[in-house]
Amino acid sequence: MQNISEIEELIKLISKLPGLGPKSAKRIVLKLINNRDELVKPMANTLAQVYKNVIRCNSCGSLKSNSNGCLNCENTKENYNKICVVEDIADQWSIENSNIFQGYFHILGGTISSVGQRKEDLLINSLVERVNRDKIEEVILATSATVEGQTTAYYIQDSLKNLDVKITKLAQGLPVGGEIESLDDGTLFSAFKNRSNLISNSD
């Protein structure tokens, strides 16, 4: 392969994407180069617009446009009384696509034990504020069944213990070590339907 610095750099960047390694990245780069007018130019323009205009909401952690408010936070039409807490946006999308849950989402942006991740970096304080402000009746902890995910769930539970809110977690049908985004709809449905009560401060 020719030693072209631009191509080498692009291969390195693409190989950092989930599920892709150097071989897959090389195939993608060749596809892009061979279809530069149909793929490269519009993709470059779209990526530039995403970089410029799409950000995370400081309140709920969901994605939103710079020019508009957050649809997740400002969905007052439905007047939901539940919040589902997930680790990242991929988890939110998986649950939304399954049509299992009807309510608000709160995206933490990681877990407490993630490398380089501090409690202060997560939107846990914002979650407490939302529960108070929006009169939430139930908080569903949908963190992954990993050590990091469960550690984060326990910390959230402790943070909410003084509030008048029911706290539940997904059923143990969730496989140990499993990540939410990798689960099929059937497993997600069972986990939500059979979620267990952790604490109810309203009792």
N, C-alpha and C. Protein backbone atom coordinates (compact mmCIF):
# COMPACT_ATOMS: atom_id res chain seq x y z
N MET A 1 0.84 -1.20 0.00
CA MET A 1 0.00 0.00 0.00
C MET A 1 0.88 1.25 0.00
N GLN A 2 0.48 2.22 -0.81
CA GLN A 2 1.26 3.45 -0.89
C GLN A 2 1.23 4.17 0.46
N ASN A 3 2.37 4.75 0.78
CA ASN A 3 2.49 5.47 2.04
C ASN A 3 2.03 6.91 1.86
N ILE A 4 0.70 7.09 1.87
CA ILE A 4 0.10 8.42 1.73
C ILE A 4 -0.42 8.83 3.10
N SER A 5 0.13 9.91 3.62
CA SER A 5 -0.15 10.28 5.00
C SER A 5 -1.64 10.52 5.28
N GLU A 6 -2.33 11.15 4.32
CA GLU A 6 -3.75 11.43 4.51
C GLU A 6 -4.56 10.14 4.65
N ILE A 7 -4.22 9.15 3.84
CA ILE A 7 -4.93 7.87 3.89
C ILE A 7 -4.61 7.14 5.19
N GLU A 8 -3.34 7.15 5.57
CA GLU A 8 -2.93 6.49 6.82
C GLU A 8 -3.67 7.10 8.02
N GLU A 9 -3.77 8.41 8.03
CA GLU A 9 -4.45 9.08 9.15
C GLU A 9 -5.93 8.75 9.17
N LEU A 10 -6.55 8.68 7.99
CA LEU A 10 -7.97 8.35 7.91
C LEU A 10 -8.22 6.92 8.37
N ILE A 11 -7.35 6.01 8.01
CA ILE A 11 -7.48 4.62 8.44
C ILE A 11 -7.37 4.53 9.96
N LYS A 12 -6.44 5.27 10.55
CA LYS A 12 -6.28 5.28 12.00
C LYS A 12 -7.54 5.79 12.70
N LEU A 13 -8.11 6.84 12.15
CA LEU A 13 -9.31 7.43 12.76
C LEU A 13 -10.50 6.49 12.66
N ILE A 14 -10.72 5.91 11.48
CA ILE A 14 -11.87 5.02 11.29
C ILE A 14 -11.73 3.75 12.12
N SER A 15 -10.50 3.26 12.29
CA SER A 15 -10.29 2.03 13.06
C SER A 15 -10.59 2.22 14.55
N LYS A 16 -10.73 3.48 14.99
CA LYS A 16 -11.09 3.76 16.38
C LYS A 16 -12.59 3.63 16.64
N LEU A 17 -13.38 3.53 15.57
CA LEU A 17 -14.82 3.40 15.73
C LEU A 17 -15.17 2.01 16.26
N PRO A 18 -16.28 1.89 17.01
CA PRO A 18 -16.67 0.59 17.60
C PRO A 18 -16.87 -0.48 16.53
N GLY A 19 -16.30 -1.65 16.78
CA GLY A 19 -16.48 -2.78 15.89
C GLY A 19 -15.61 -2.78 14.66
N LEU A 20 -14.74 -1.79 14.54
CA LEU A 20 -13.88 -1.71 13.37
C LEU A 20 -12.41 -1.82 13.76
N GLY A 21 -11.66 -2.56 12.95
CA GLY A 21 -10.23 -2.66 13.13
C GLY A 21 -9.53 -2.12 11.89
N PRO A 22 -8.21 -2.25 11.83
CA PRO A 22 -7.45 -1.72 10.68
C PRO A 22 -7.90 -2.28 9.33
N LYS A 23 -8.21 -3.58 9.26
CA LYS A 23 -8.62 -4.17 7.98
C LYS A 23 -9.95 -3.60 7.51
N SER A 24 -10.91 -3.53 8.42
CA SER A 24 -12.21 -2.95 8.06
C SER A 24 -12.07 -1.49 7.69
N ALA A 25 -11.21 -0.78 8.42
CA ALA A 25 -10.99 0.64 8.15
C ALA A 25 -10.40 0.83 6.76
N LYS A 26 -9.49 -0.03 6.35
CA LYS A 26 -8.89 0.08 5.02
C LYS A 26 -9.94 -0.12 3.93
N ARG A 27 -10.84 -1.10 4.14
CA ARG A 27 -11.89 -1.34 3.14
C ARG A 27 -12.82 -0.14 3.03
N ILE A 28 -13.14 0.46 4.18
CA ILE A 28 -14.01 1.64 4.18
C ILE A 28 -13.34 2.81 3.47
N VAL A 29 -12.07 3.02 3.75
CA VAL A 29 -11.33 4.12 3.12
C VAL A 29 -11.28 3.94 1.60
N LEU A 30 -11.04 2.72 1.15
CA LEU A 30 -11.00 2.46 -0.30
C LEU A 30 -12.37 2.73 -0.92
N LYS A 31 -13.43 2.34 -0.22
CA LYS A 31 -14.78 2.60 -0.72
C LYS A 31 -15.03 4.10 -0.83
N LEU A 32 -14.58 4.84 0.18
CA LEU A 32 -14.75 6.30 0.15
C LEU A 32 -13.98 6.94 -1.00
N ILE A 33 -12.73 6.52 -1.16
CA ILE A 33 -11.88 7.10 -2.20
C ILE A 33 -12.45 6.82 -3.59
N ASN A 34 -12.97 5.61 -3.77
CA ASN A 34 -13.53 5.23 -5.07
C ASN A 34 -14.89 5.87 -5.34
N ASN A 35 -15.48 6.47 -4.31
CA ASN A 35 -16.78 7.13 -4.47
C ASN A 35 -16.74 8.51 -3.81
N ARG A 36 -15.74 9.27 -4.16
CA ARG A 36 -15.51 10.54 -3.47
C ARG A 36 -16.63 11.54 -3.69
N ASP A 37 -17.19 11.56 -4.89
CA ASP A 37 -18.26 12.53 -5.15
C ASP A 37 -19.57 12.13 -4.46
N GLU A 38 -19.86 10.82 -4.44
CA GLU A 38 -21.11 10.34 -3.85
C GLU A 38 -21.03 10.21 -2.33
N LEU A 39 -19.84 9.97 -1.79
CA LEU A 39 -19.71 9.70 -0.36
C LEU A 39 -18.85 10.71 0.39
N VAL A 40 -17.64 10.95 -0.09
CA VAL A 40 -16.68 11.75 0.68
C VAL A 40 -17.15 13.18 0.86
N LYS A 41 -17.55 13.82 -0.23
CA LYS A 41 -17.94 15.23 -0.14
C LYS A 41 -19.17 15.44 0.74
N PRO A 42 -20.28 14.70 0.52
CA PRO A 42 -21.45 14.89 1.40
C PRO A 42 -21.18 14.46 2.83
N MET A 43 -20.35 13.44 3.03
CA MET A 43 -20.04 13.00 4.38
C MET A 43 -19.23 14.05 5.12
N ALA A 44 -18.27 14.65 4.42
CA ALA A 44 -17.45 15.70 5.04
C ALA A 44 -18.32 16.88 5.44
N ASN A 45 -19.25 17.26 4.57
CA ASN A 45 -20.15 18.38 4.88
C ASN A 45 -21.06 18.06 6.07
N THR A 46 -21.59 16.83 6.09
CA THR A 46 -22.48 16.43 7.18
C THR A 46 -21.74 16.36 8.51
N LEU A 47 -20.53 15.81 8.49
CA LEU A 47 -19.73 15.73 9.72
C LEU A 47 -19.42 17.12 10.25
N ALA A 48 -19.13 18.04 9.35
CA ALA A 48 -18.85 19.42 9.77
C ALA A 48 -20.07 20.05 10.43
N GLN A 49 -21.26 19.78 9.87
CA GLN A 49 -22.48 20.32 10.44
C GLN A 49 -22.79 19.70 11.80
N VAL A 50 -22.56 18.39 11.92
CA VAL A 50 -22.76 17.71 13.20
C VAL A 50 -21.82 18.25 14.25
N TYR A 51 -20.56 18.43 13.89
CA TYR A 51 -19.56 18.97 14.82
C TYR A 51 -19.95 20.37 15.28
N LYS A 52 -20.50 21.15 14.36
CA LYS A 52 -20.84 22.54 14.66
C LYS A 52 -22.15 22.68 15.43
N ASN A 53 -23.14 21.85 15.10
CA ASN A 53 -24.50 22.11 15.57
C ASN A 53 -25.07 21.13 16.58
N VAL A 54 -24.50 19.94 16.73
CA VAL A 54 -25.07 18.94 17.63
C VAL A 54 -24.24 18.84 18.90
N ILE A 55 -24.93 19.00 20.04
CA ILE A 55 -24.26 18.94 21.35
C ILE A 55 -25.09 18.08 22.30
N ARG A 56 -24.50 17.80 23.46
CA ARG A 56 -25.23 17.09 24.51
C ARG A 56 -25.95 18.10 25.40
N CYS A 57 -27.14 17.75 25.80
CA CYS A 57 -27.89 18.60 26.73
C CYS A 57 -27.23 18.54 28.10
N ASN A 58 -27.02 19.69 28.72
CA ASN A 58 -26.38 19.74 30.03
C ASN A 58 -27.28 19.23 31.14
N SER A 59 -28.58 19.11 30.86
CA SER A 59 -29.52 18.67 31.87
C SER A 59 -29.76 17.16 31.84
N CYS A 60 -30.11 16.64 30.66
CA CYS A 60 -30.46 15.21 30.57
C CYS A 60 -29.41 14.36 29.87
N GLY A 61 -28.47 14.99 29.17
CA GLY A 61 -27.41 14.24 28.50
C GLY A 61 -27.74 13.76 27.11
N SER A 62 -28.97 14.01 26.64
CA SER A 62 -29.36 13.59 25.31
C SER A 62 -28.77 14.54 24.27
N LEU A 63 -28.84 14.13 23.00
CA LEU A 63 -28.34 14.99 21.94
C LEU A 63 -29.38 16.03 21.57
N LYS A 64 -28.91 17.22 21.22
CA LYS A 64 -29.81 18.27 20.79
C LYS A 64 -29.08 19.19 19.82
N SER A 65 -29.87 19.96 19.10
CA SER A 65 -29.31 20.93 18.16
C SER A 65 -29.01 22.23 18.88
N ASN A 66 -27.94 22.88 18.48
CA ASN A 66 -27.58 24.18 19.06
C ASN A 66 -28.70 25.20 18.91
N SER A 67 -29.45 25.08 17.81
CA SER A 67 -30.46 26.09 17.51
C SER A 67 -31.82 25.79 18.13
N ASN A 68 -32.00 24.62 18.70
CA ASN A 68 -33.29 24.24 19.27
C ASN A 68 -33.12 23.77 20.72
N GLY A 69 -34.22 23.72 21.44
CA GLY A 69 -34.19 23.19 22.79
C GLY A 69 -34.10 21.66 22.77
N CYS A 70 -33.97 21.07 23.94
CA CYS A 70 -33.85 19.62 24.05
C CYS A 70 -35.24 18.99 24.01
N LEU A 71 -35.48 18.13 23.02
CA LEU A 71 -36.79 17.49 22.88
C LEU A 71 -37.07 16.55 24.04
N ASN A 72 -36.04 15.95 24.60
CA ASN A 72 -36.21 15.03 25.73
C ASN A 72 -36.67 15.78 26.97
N CYS A 73 -36.01 16.90 27.27
CA CYS A 73 -36.34 17.69 28.47
C CYS A 73 -37.66 18.43 28.32
N GLU A 74 -37.92 18.92 27.11
CA GLU A 74 -39.06 19.81 26.91
C GLU A 74 -40.31 19.11 26.41
N ASN A 75 -40.33 17.78 26.51
CA ASN A 75 -41.50 17.03 26.07
C ASN A 75 -42.58 17.09 27.14
N THR A 76 -43.19 18.26 27.28
CA THR A 76 -44.25 18.44 28.29
C THR A 76 -45.60 17.97 27.78
N LYS A 77 -45.70 17.68 26.50
CA LYS A 77 -46.97 17.23 25.92
C LYS A 77 -47.44 15.94 26.56
N GLU A 78 -46.50 15.02 26.80
CA GLU A 78 -46.86 13.72 27.35
C GLU A 78 -46.98 13.74 28.87
N ASN A 79 -46.28 14.68 29.51
CA ASN A 79 -46.33 14.80 30.97
C ASN A 79 -45.98 13.47 31.65
N TYR A 80 -44.82 12.94 31.31
CA TYR A 80 -44.38 11.67 31.87
C TYR A 80 -44.05 11.81 33.36
N ASN A 81 -44.16 10.70 34.10
CA ASN A 81 -43.78 10.71 35.51
C ASN A 81 -42.68 9.70 35.81
N LYS A 82 -42.02 9.20 34.75
CA LYS A 82 -40.94 8.24 34.91
C LYS A 82 -39.70 8.73 34.17
N ILE A 83 -38.53 8.41 34.73
CA ILE A 83 -37.25 8.67 34.07
C ILE A 83 -36.46 7.36 34.01
N CYS A 84 -35.96 7.04 32.83
CA CYS A 84 -35.11 5.87 32.65
C CYS A 84 -33.66 6.35 32.57
N VAL A 85 -32.83 5.88 33.49
CA VAL A 85 -31.43 6.31 33.56
C VAL A 85 -30.54 5.30 32.84
N VAL A 86 -29.82 5.75 31.82
CA VAL A 86 -28.92 4.88 31.06
C VAL A 86 -27.51 5.47 31.04
N GLU A 87 -26.57 4.66 30.62
CA GLU A 87 -25.16 5.09 30.64
C GLU A 87 -24.82 6.00 29.46
N ASP A 88 -25.29 5.66 28.27
CA ASP A 88 -24.92 6.47 27.11
C ASP A 88 -26.07 6.54 26.11
N ILE A 89 -25.87 7.33 25.08
CA ILE A 89 -26.93 7.61 24.11
C ILE A 89 -27.29 6.36 23.31
N ALA A 90 -26.34 5.47 23.07
CA ALA A 90 -26.63 4.23 22.35
C ALA A 90 -27.67 3.41 23.12
N ASP A 91 -27.60 3.43 24.46
CA ASP A 91 -28.59 2.72 25.26
C ASP A 91 -29.97 3.35 25.10
N GLN A 92 -30.02 4.67 25.10
CA GLN A 92 -31.28 5.38 24.90
C GLN A 92 -31.90 4.99 23.56
N TRP A 93 -31.10 5.00 22.51
CA TRP A 93 -31.62 4.67 21.19
C TRP A 93 -32.15 3.24 21.14
N SER A 94 -31.45 2.30 21.76
CA SER A 94 -31.89 0.90 21.76
C SER A 94 -33.25 0.74 22.43
N ILE A 95 -33.42 1.42 23.58
CA ILE A 95 -34.68 1.32 24.30
C ILE A 95 -35.80 2.02 23.54
N GLU A 96 -35.50 3.18 22.95
CA GLU A 96 -36.49 3.91 22.16
C GLU A 96 -36.96 3.08 20.97
N ASN A 97 -36.04 2.43 20.28
CA ASN A 97 -36.38 1.64 19.10
C ASN A 97 -37.25 0.44 19.44
N SER A 98 -37.15 -0.05 20.68
CA SER A 98 -37.93 -1.21 21.09
C SER A 98 -39.37 -0.85 21.45
N ASN A 99 -39.64 0.45 21.65
CA ASN A 99 -40.97 0.94 22.05
C ASN A 99 -41.47 0.32 23.36
N ILE A 100 -40.54 -0.05 24.23
CA ILE A 100 -40.89 -0.67 25.50
C ILE A 100 -41.22 0.38 26.55
N PHE A 101 -40.47 1.46 26.55
CA PHE A 101 -40.56 2.46 27.61
C PHE A 101 -41.16 3.76 27.09
N GLN A 102 -42.10 4.29 27.85
CA GLN A 102 -42.69 5.59 27.56
C GLN A 102 -42.39 6.53 28.73
N GLY A 103 -41.48 7.43 28.54
CA GLY A 103 -41.10 8.33 29.61
C GLY A 103 -39.88 9.13 29.21
N TYR A 104 -39.31 9.84 30.17
CA TYR A 104 -38.12 10.63 29.92
C TYR A 104 -36.87 9.75 30.03
N PHE A 105 -35.80 10.21 29.40
CA PHE A 105 -34.51 9.54 29.53
C PHE A 105 -33.52 10.47 30.23
N HIS A 106 -32.57 9.85 30.92
CA HIS A 106 -31.48 10.60 31.52
C HIS A 106 -30.20 9.85 31.20
N ILE A 107 -29.32 10.48 30.42
CA ILE A 107 -28.11 9.83 29.94
C ILE A 107 -26.91 10.33 30.75
N LEU A 108 -26.30 9.43 31.49
CA LEU A 108 -25.21 9.80 32.41
C LEU A 108 -23.94 10.23 31.69
N GLY A 109 -23.65 9.57 30.58
CA GLY A 109 -22.40 9.86 29.88
C GLY A 109 -21.25 8.99 30.33
N GLY A 110 -21.57 7.81 30.89
CA GLY A 110 -20.53 6.89 31.34
C GLY A 110 -20.90 6.26 32.67
N THR A 111 -19.90 5.69 33.32
CA THR A 111 -20.08 5.09 34.64
C THR A 111 -19.00 5.63 35.58
N ILE A 112 -19.24 5.47 36.87
CA ILE A 112 -18.31 6.00 37.86
C ILE A 112 -16.93 5.39 37.73
N SER A 113 -16.87 4.09 37.44
CA SER A 113 -15.59 3.40 37.43
C SER A 113 -14.91 3.39 36.07
N SER A 114 -15.50 4.05 35.09
CA SER A 114 -14.85 4.11 33.78
C SER A 114 -13.50 4.81 33.91
N VAL A 115 -12.57 4.41 33.09
CA VAL A 115 -11.23 5.01 33.14
C VAL A 115 -11.33 6.50 32.86
N GLY A 116 -10.81 7.29 33.79
CA GLY A 116 -10.82 8.73 33.62
C GLY A 116 -12.15 9.39 33.91
N GLN A 117 -13.14 8.59 34.32
CA GLN A 117 -14.48 9.14 34.57
C GLN A 117 -14.66 9.39 36.06
N ARG A 118 -15.04 10.61 36.43
CA ARG A 118 -15.29 10.96 37.82
C ARG A 118 -16.79 11.10 38.05
N LYS A 119 -17.19 11.01 39.31
CA LYS A 119 -18.61 11.19 39.63
C LYS A 119 -19.09 12.56 39.17
N GLU A 120 -18.21 13.54 39.28
CA GLU A 120 -18.57 14.91 38.91
C GLU A 120 -18.82 15.04 37.41
N ASP A 121 -18.25 14.13 36.61
CA ASP A 121 -18.41 14.21 35.17
C ASP A 121 -19.78 13.68 34.72
N LEU A 122 -20.40 12.88 35.55
CA LEU A 122 -21.71 12.32 35.22
C LEU A 122 -22.82 13.29 35.61
N LEU A 123 -23.98 13.12 35.01
CA LEU A 123 -25.08 14.05 35.25
C LEU A 123 -26.00 13.56 36.37
N ILE A 124 -25.39 13.13 37.49
CA ILE A 124 -26.18 12.63 38.60
C ILE A 124 -26.84 13.77 39.37
N ASN A 125 -26.12 14.85 39.59
CA ASN A 125 -26.72 16.01 40.27
C ASN A 125 -27.88 16.57 39.45
N SER A 126 -27.73 16.55 38.14
CA SER A 126 -28.80 17.02 37.27
C SER A 126 -30.02 16.09 37.36
N LEU A 127 -29.77 14.79 37.53
CA LEU A 127 -30.86 13.84 37.69
C LEU A 127 -31.68 14.16 38.93
N VAL A 128 -31.00 14.43 40.03
CA VAL A 128 -31.68 14.79 41.27
C VAL A 128 -32.54 16.04 41.07
N GLU A 129 -32.00 17.01 40.36
CA GLU A 129 -32.74 18.25 40.08
C GLU A 129 -33.97 17.98 39.23
N ARG A 130 -33.84 17.11 38.24
CA ARG A 130 -34.98 16.80 37.37
C ARG A 130 -36.08 16.07 38.12
N VAL A 131 -35.70 15.15 39.00
CA VAL A 131 -36.70 14.41 39.79
C VAL A 131 -37.50 15.37 40.65
N ASN A 132 -36.81 16.33 41.25
CA ASN A 132 -37.48 17.33 42.08
C ASN A 132 -38.36 18.26 41.24
N ARG A 133 -37.80 18.77 40.16
CA ARG A 133 -38.47 19.79 39.36
C ARG A 133 -39.68 19.24 38.61
N ASP A 134 -39.54 18.04 38.05
CA ASP A 134 -40.57 17.49 37.17
C ASP A 134 -41.53 16.55 37.88
N LYS A 135 -41.44 16.48 39.20
CA LYS A 135 -42.35 15.65 40.01
C LYS A 135 -42.37 14.20 39.52
N ILE A 136 -41.18 13.66 39.37
CA ILE A 136 -41.02 12.29 38.89
C ILE A 136 -41.43 11.30 39.99
N GLU A 137 -42.19 10.27 39.60
CA GLU A 137 -42.66 9.28 40.57
C GLU A 137 -41.81 8.02 40.59
N GLU A 138 -41.15 7.74 39.45
CA GLU A 138 -40.32 6.52 39.39
C GLU A 138 -39.05 6.78 38.59
N VAL A 139 -37.93 6.34 39.15
CA VAL A 139 -36.64 6.37 38.45
C VAL A 139 -36.24 4.93 38.16
N ILE A 140 -36.08 4.60 36.88
CA ILE A 140 -35.69 3.25 36.47
C ILE A 140 -34.21 3.24 36.15
N LEU A 141 -33.45 2.46 36.91
CA LEU A 141 -32.01 2.36 36.70
C LEU A 141 -31.74 1.29 35.65
N ALA A 142 -31.38 1.73 34.45
CA ALA A 142 -31.13 0.81 33.34
C ALA A 142 -29.66 0.82 32.97
N THR A 143 -28.81 0.79 33.99
CA THR A 143 -27.37 0.69 33.74
C THR A 143 -27.02 -0.76 33.44
N SER A 144 -25.90 -0.97 32.81
CA SER A 144 -25.49 -2.31 32.40
C SER A 144 -25.20 -3.21 33.60
N ALA A 145 -25.29 -4.51 33.36
CA ALA A 145 -25.04 -5.49 34.42
C ALA A 145 -23.55 -5.78 34.54
N THR A 146 -22.75 -4.73 34.55
CA THR A 146 -21.31 -4.83 34.76
C THR A 146 -21.00 -4.29 36.15
N VAL A 147 -19.79 -4.51 36.61
CA VAL A 147 -19.39 -3.97 37.92
C VAL A 147 -19.52 -2.46 37.92
N GLU A 148 -19.07 -1.82 36.83
CA GLU A 148 -19.14 -0.37 36.75
C GLU A 148 -20.59 0.12 36.72
N GLY A 149 -21.42 -0.58 35.94
CA GLY A 149 -22.82 -0.19 35.83
C GLY A 149 -23.56 -0.32 37.14
N GLN A 150 -23.30 -1.41 37.87
CA GLN A 150 -23.98 -1.62 39.15
C GLN A 150 -23.47 -0.66 40.22
N THR A 151 -22.17 -0.36 40.18
CA THR A 151 -21.61 0.61 41.12
C THR A 151 -22.27 1.97 40.93
N THR A 152 -22.44 2.35 39.67
CA THR A 152 -23.10 3.62 39.36
C THR A 152 -24.55 3.61 39.82
N ALA A 153 -25.24 2.49 39.64
CA ALA A 153 -26.64 2.38 40.07
C ALA A 153 -26.77 2.55 41.58
N TYR A 154 -25.86 1.94 42.33
CA TYR A 154 -25.90 2.08 43.79
C TYR A 154 -25.66 3.52 44.21
N TYR A 155 -24.75 4.19 43.52
CA TYR A 155 -24.46 5.60 43.85
C TYR A 155 -25.68 6.48 43.57
N ILE A 156 -26.35 6.23 42.45
CA ILE A 156 -27.55 6.99 42.12
C ILE A 156 -28.65 6.73 43.15
N GLN A 157 -28.80 5.48 43.52
CA GLN A 157 -29.80 5.13 44.53
C GLN A 157 -29.55 5.90 45.82
N ASP A 158 -28.29 5.97 46.22
CA ASP A 158 -27.94 6.70 47.44
C ASP A 158 -28.20 8.20 47.29
N SER A 159 -27.97 8.73 46.09
CA SER A 159 -28.18 10.15 45.84
C SER A 159 -29.65 10.54 45.88
N LEU A 160 -30.53 9.55 45.62
CA LEU A 160 -31.96 9.83 45.56
C LEU A 160 -32.71 9.39 46.83
N LYS A 161 -31.99 8.88 47.81
CA LYS A 161 -32.64 8.25 48.95
C LYS A 161 -33.51 9.19 49.76
N ASN A 162 -33.23 10.48 49.72
CA ASN A 162 -34.01 11.44 50.52
C ASN A 162 -35.17 12.06 49.74
N LEU A 163 -35.39 11.60 48.52
CA LEU A 163 -36.47 12.14 47.71
C LEU A 163 -37.68 11.22 47.74
N ASP A 164 -38.83 11.80 47.50
CA ASP A 164 -40.09 11.05 47.49
C ASP A 164 -40.28 10.45 46.10
N VAL A 165 -39.53 9.37 45.84
CA VAL A 165 -39.56 8.76 44.50
C VAL A 165 -39.31 7.27 44.61
N LYS A 166 -39.97 6.52 43.76
CA LYS A 166 -39.78 5.07 43.69
C LYS A 166 -38.57 4.78 42.79
N ILE A 167 -37.68 3.90 43.23
CA ILE A 167 -36.49 3.57 42.46
C ILE A 167 -36.53 2.08 42.12
N THR A 168 -36.44 1.79 40.83
CA THR A 168 -36.46 0.39 40.38
C THR A 168 -35.24 0.13 39.50
N LYS A 169 -34.97 -1.14 39.28
CA LYS A 169 -33.89 -1.52 38.38
C LYS A 169 -34.39 -2.62 37.45
N LEU A 170 -33.72 -2.78 36.31
CA LEU A 170 -34.13 -3.80 35.36
C LEU A 170 -33.99 -5.19 35.97
N ALA A 171 -34.85 -6.11 35.54
CA ALA A 171 -34.87 -7.46 36.08
C ALA A 171 -33.56 -8.18 35.83
N GLN A 172 -33.31 -9.19 36.62
CA GLN A 172 -32.06 -9.93 36.52
C GLN A 172 -31.97 -10.83 35.31
N GLY A 173 -33.01 -10.79 34.44
CA GLY A 173 -32.90 -11.48 33.17
C GLY A 173 -31.81 -10.86 32.31
N LEU A 174 -31.39 -9.66 32.71
CA LEU A 174 -30.28 -9.00 32.04
C LEU A 174 -29.01 -9.81 32.29
N PRO A 175 -28.32 -10.28 31.24
CA PRO A 175 -27.15 -11.12 31.45
C PRO A 175 -26.02 -10.41 32.18
N VAL A 176 -25.33 -11.12 33.06
CA VAL A 176 -24.21 -10.54 33.79
C VAL A 176 -23.15 -10.07 32.81
N GLY A 177 -22.73 -8.82 32.97
CA GLY A 177 -21.75 -8.25 32.06
C GLY A 177 -22.35 -7.69 30.79
N GLY A 178 -23.69 -7.81 30.67
CA GLY A 178 -24.35 -7.36 29.45
C GLY A 178 -24.49 -5.85 29.37
N GLU A 179 -24.41 -5.33 28.16
CA GLU A 179 -24.60 -3.91 27.92
C GLU A 179 -25.96 -3.69 27.27
N ILE A 180 -26.64 -2.62 27.64
CA ILE A 180 -28.00 -2.38 27.20
C ILE A 180 -28.11 -2.36 25.68
N GLU A 181 -27.19 -1.67 25.00
CA GLU A 181 -27.31 -1.48 23.56
C GLU A 181 -27.20 -2.78 22.77
N SER A 182 -26.64 -3.84 23.39
CA SER A 182 -26.45 -5.10 22.68
C SER A 182 -27.59 -6.09 22.89
N LEU A 183 -28.61 -5.71 23.69
CA LEU A 183 -29.70 -6.62 23.99
C LEU A 183 -30.77 -6.59 22.91
N ASP A 184 -31.41 -7.74 22.70
CA ASP A 184 -32.52 -7.78 21.75
C ASP A 184 -33.79 -7.26 22.41
N ASP A 185 -34.81 -6.98 21.60
CA ASP A 185 -36.04 -6.39 22.11
C ASP A 185 -36.73 -7.28 23.13
N GLY A 186 -36.68 -8.60 22.92
CA GLY A 186 -37.33 -9.52 23.85
C GLY A 186 -36.72 -9.46 25.24
N THR A 187 -35.40 -9.43 25.30
CA THR A 187 -34.71 -9.34 26.59
C THR A 187 -34.99 -8.00 27.26
N LEU A 188 -34.98 -6.92 26.47
CA LEU A 188 -35.28 -5.60 27.03
C LEU A 188 -36.70 -5.55 27.57
N PHE A 189 -37.65 -6.11 26.82
CA PHE A 189 -39.05 -6.11 27.26
C PHE A 189 -39.20 -6.83 28.59
N SER A 190 -38.57 -8.01 28.69
CA SER A 190 -38.63 -8.79 29.94
C SER A 190 -37.99 -8.04 31.09
N ALA A 191 -36.85 -7.39 30.82
CA ALA A 191 -36.14 -6.67 31.87
C ALA A 191 -36.95 -5.49 32.39
N PHE A 192 -37.65 -4.79 31.50
CA PHE A 192 -38.48 -3.66 31.92
C PHE A 192 -39.75 -4.13 32.63
N LYS A 193 -40.40 -5.13 32.06
CA LYS A 193 -41.67 -5.60 32.62
C LYS A 193 -41.49 -6.17 34.02
N ASN A 194 -40.38 -6.84 34.24
CA ASN A 194 -40.15 -7.50 35.52
C ASN A 194 -39.14 -6.75 36.40
N ARG A 195 -39.01 -5.44 36.17
CA ARG A 195 -38.07 -4.67 36.97
C ARG A 195 -38.44 -4.74 38.45
N SER A 196 -37.41 -4.71 39.30
CA SER A 196 -37.62 -4.90 40.73
C SER A 196 -37.50 -3.57 41.47
N ASN A 197 -38.21 -3.47 42.57
CA ASN A 197 -38.21 -2.26 43.39
C ASN A 197 -36.99 -2.24 44.28
N LEU A 198 -36.23 -1.15 44.24
CA LEU A 198 -35.07 -1.00 45.12
C LEU A 198 -35.47 -0.27 46.39
N ILE A 199 -36.17 0.85 46.20
CA ILE A 199 -36.55 1.64 47.37
C ILE A 199 -37.72 2.54 46.97
N SER A 200 -38.62 2.76 47.86
CA SER A 200 -39.72 3.69 47.62
C SER A 200 -39.80 4.62 48.81
N ASN A 201 -39.34 5.83 48.63
CA ASN A 201 -39.28 6.78 49.72
C ASN A 201 -40.63 7.38 50.05
N SER A 202 -41.65 7.03 49.26
CA SER A 202 -42.98 7.56 49.50
C SER A 202 -43.74 6.72 50.51
N ASP A 203 -43.19 5.52 50.85
CA ASP A 203 -43.87 4.63 51.80
C ASP A 203 -43.67 5.13 53.23
